[in-house]
Amino acid sequence: MKTLGFIGTGTITTAFVEGLVASGRRNPILISPRSAQRADALAARFETVSRAASNAEVARDSDIVFLAMRPAQVEEALKGIAFRPGQIVCSFVTGLTVPEIGAYAPGAVVCRVLPLPAVAMCKGPIIHYPRVDDVAELIGGMGQVIVPRTERELVAMGGVSGFMS
């Protein structure tokens, strides 16, 4: 069973973790210490969730790492972090392309997922590009997975996620 890590602990991470648990996933989940109160609350609610001491620990100890922060926070959040070759890095970050994310994670398998808060109830669309089998399997029970043909299509479909905030 793959360990899931989340760097960034905001509204979408919370909803995504709730959806993982609601869909029956039992993967170990490691949450970054950012938004410590929220991270601690998730760890207290779900036995599969624990809070890491740092973003580097999340990256080191996770098989799939989800990036969940604003574009302007990415550089600082990933400073000093080395992702493993073949490790999956899945970004919730709107506005950064797969190649831009890949620059922070050379050798990693990079994809994007754009969930909406309804993912907490396993409802609504989840846009996923490019398809990475381990990620597609993970999110399969959390809503309607949509895999666009191109990243440009993802951007067009994902425009609605801007209304979330």
Protein backbone atom coordinates (compact mmCIF):
# COMPACT_ATOMS: atom_id res chain seq x y z
CA MET A 1 0.00 0.00 0.00
CA LYS A 2 1.46 3.34 -1.05
CA THR A 3 2.09 6.09 1.46
CA LEU A 4 0.49 9.38 0.45
CA GLY A 5 2.06 12.70 1.37
CA PHE A 6 0.59 16.18 1.24
CA ILE A 7 2.74 19.30 1.17
CA GLY A 8 0.29 22.05 2.02
CA THR A 9 -2.64 21.53 4.35
CA GLY A 10 -5.50 23.75 3.30
CA THR A 11 -9.09 23.37 2.20
CA ILE A 12 -8.40 21.09 -0.76
CA THR A 13 -6.02 18.81 1.15
CA THR A 14 -8.60 18.48 3.91
CA ALA A 15 -11.39 17.68 1.44
CA PHE A 16 -9.14 15.24 -0.46
CA VAL A 17 -8.13 13.38 2.71
CA GLU A 18 -11.78 13.20 3.79
CA GLY A 19 -12.64 11.79 0.35
CA LEU A 20 -9.86 9.21 0.54
CA VAL A 21 -11.18 7.99 3.88
CA ALA A 22 -14.83 8.13 2.73
CA SER A 23 -13.96 6.06 -0.35
CA GLY A 24 -12.50 3.34 1.87
CA ARG A 25 -8.81 4.02 1.25
CA ARG A 26 -6.56 2.91 4.09
CA ASN A 27 -3.27 4.28 2.76
CA PRO A 28 -0.95 5.82 5.34
CA ILE A 29 -1.17 9.60 4.90
CA LEU A 30 1.56 12.03 5.91
CA ILE A 31 0.57 15.71 6.19
CA SER A 32 2.97 18.65 6.17
CA PRO A 33 3.17 20.85 9.25
CA ARG A 34 1.94 23.93 7.39
CA SER A 35 -1.38 25.01 8.88
CA ALA A 36 -0.43 23.07 12.01
CA GLN A 37 -3.90 23.30 13.55
CA ARG A 38 -5.52 21.81 10.45
CA ALA A 39 -2.82 19.12 10.15
CA ASP A 40 -3.25 18.16 13.79
CA ALA A 41 -7.03 18.06 13.40
CA LEU A 42 -6.77 15.67 10.43
CA ALA A 43 -4.36 13.44 12.35
CA ALA A 44 -6.75 13.39 15.33
CA ARG A 45 -9.77 12.51 13.14
CA PHE A 46 -8.24 9.76 11.03
CA GLU A 47 -6.02 6.94 12.25
CA THR A 48 -4.29 6.69 8.86
CA VAL A 49 -3.13 10.34 9.02
CA SER A 50 -0.04 11.63 10.78
CA ARG A 51 1.68 14.99 10.79
CA ALA A 52 5.24 15.23 9.53
CA ALA A 53 7.86 17.50 11.04
CA SER A 54 8.71 19.07 7.66
CA ASN A 55 7.91 19.14 3.97
CA ALA A 56 11.16 17.27 3.36
CA GLU A 57 9.94 14.44 5.60
CA VAL A 58 6.70 14.24 3.60
CA ALA A 59 8.67 13.94 0.35
CA ARG A 60 11.17 11.46 1.77
CA ASP A 61 8.62 9.11 3.34
CA SER A 62 5.84 9.15 0.71
CA ASP A 63 5.36 7.19 -2.49
CA ILE A 64 2.93 9.72 -3.94
CA VAL A 65 3.40 13.37 -2.98
CA PHE A 66 0.57 15.85 -3.52
CA LEU A 67 1.51 19.51 -3.82
CA ALA A 68 -1.27 21.66 -2.42
CA MET A 69 -0.34 25.30 -2.21
CA ARG A 70 -0.66 28.52 -4.18
CA PRO A 71 1.75 28.96 -7.13
CA ALA A 72 3.65 31.71 -5.31
CA GLN A 73 4.35 29.33 -2.40
CA VAL A 74 5.78 26.43 -4.42
CA GLU A 75 9.41 27.54 -4.52
CA GLU A 76 9.59 28.14 -0.77
CA ALA A 77 7.64 24.95 0.08
CA LEU A 78 9.94 22.79 -2.03
CA LYS A 79 13.24 24.45 -1.12
CA GLY A 80 15.82 21.77 -0.32
CA ILE A 81 13.52 18.88 -1.21
CA ALA A 82 14.80 16.15 -3.50
CA PHE A 83 12.22 13.84 -5.01
CA ARG A 84 13.28 10.31 -5.91
CA PRO A 85 13.47 9.14 -9.52
CA GLY A 86 10.17 7.47 -10.34
CA GLN A 87 8.42 8.95 -7.29
CA ILE A 88 4.98 10.30 -8.16
CA VAL A 89 4.48 14.02 -7.65
CA CYS A 90 0.89 15.08 -8.17
CA SER A 91 0.08 18.77 -8.14
CA PHE A 92 -3.15 20.47 -7.09
CA VAL A 93 -1.42 23.79 -7.93
CA THR A 94 -3.40 25.80 -10.45
CA GLY A 95 -1.31 27.79 -12.87
CA LEU A 96 1.77 25.57 -13.04
CA THR A 97 2.15 23.20 -15.96
CA VAL A 98 3.41 19.64 -15.77
CA PRO A 99 6.85 20.71 -17.12
CA GLU A 100 7.05 23.56 -14.58
CA ILE A 101 6.26 21.18 -11.74
CA GLY A 102 8.72 18.68 -13.21
CA ALA A 103 11.49 21.26 -12.88
CA TYR A 104 11.08 20.97 -9.10
CA ALA A 105 11.07 17.17 -9.28
CA PRO A 106 13.53 15.98 -11.94
CA GLY A 107 13.16 12.26 -12.61
CA ALA A 108 9.81 12.04 -10.82
CA VAL A 109 6.57 11.06 -12.51
CA VAL A 110 4.54 14.28 -12.54
CA CYS A 111 0.81 14.80 -12.98
CA ARG A 112 -1.91 17.20 -11.99
CA VAL A 113 -5.21 16.65 -10.22
CA LEU A 114 -7.84 19.35 -9.85
CA PRO A 115 -10.37 18.30 -7.21
CA LEU A 116 -13.17 20.48 -5.89
CA PRO A 117 -14.28 20.50 -2.24
CA ALA A 118 -17.11 18.03 -3.04
CA VAL A 119 -14.38 15.38 -3.28
CA ALA A 120 -14.79 15.11 0.52
CA MET A 121 -18.16 13.47 -0.15
CA CYS A 122 -16.84 11.47 -3.14
CA LYS A 123 -18.85 13.64 -5.52
CA GLY A 124 -18.14 15.87 -8.44
CA PRO A 125 -15.46 15.94 -11.10
CA ILE A 126 -11.78 15.29 -10.51
CA ILE A 127 -9.65 16.36 -13.46
CA HIS A 128 -6.45 14.32 -13.83
CA TYR A 129 -3.66 14.91 -16.40
CA PRO A 130 -1.67 13.15 -17.63
CA ARG A 131 -3.07 9.86 -16.48
CA VAL A 132 -0.82 8.09 -14.01
CA ASP A 133 -2.23 4.66 -13.19
CA ASP A 134 -1.47 4.75 -9.44
CA VAL A 135 -3.15 8.14 -9.09
CA ALA A 136 -6.11 7.21 -11.31
CA GLU A 137 -6.68 4.10 -9.21
CA LEU A 138 -6.46 6.12 -5.99
CA ILE A 139 -9.00 8.76 -7.05
CA GLY A 140 -11.29 6.36 -8.90
CA GLY A 141 -13.78 6.09 -6.03
CA MET A 142 -13.70 9.75 -5.09
CA GLY A 143 -15.82 11.27 -7.84
CA GLN A 144 -16.04 11.35 -11.60
CA VAL A 145 -12.48 11.23 -12.94
CA ILE A 146 -12.00 13.20 -16.13
CA VAL A 147 -8.77 12.77 -18.09
CA PRO A 148 -8.34 15.50 -20.71
CA ARG A 149 -6.34 14.76 -23.86
CA THR A 150 -4.03 17.73 -23.37
CA GLU A 151 -2.94 20.06 -20.60
CA ARG A 152 -4.64 22.87 -22.48
CA GLU A 153 -7.94 21.00 -22.05
CA LEU A 154 -7.17 20.59 -18.35
CA VAL A 155 -6.74 24.35 -18.04
CA ALA A 156 -10.03 24.98 -19.81
CA MET A 157 -11.87 22.45 -17.65
CA GLY A 158 -10.15 23.59 -14.49
CA GLY A 159 -11.23 27.20 -14.84
CA VAL A 160 -14.20 26.41 -12.63
CA SER A 161 -11.85 25.53 -9.76
CA GLY A 162 -10.99 29.23 -9.51
CA PHE A 163 -14.47 29.82 -8.13
CA MET A 164 -13.68 27.51 -5.22
CA SER A 165 -11.62 30.05 -3.35
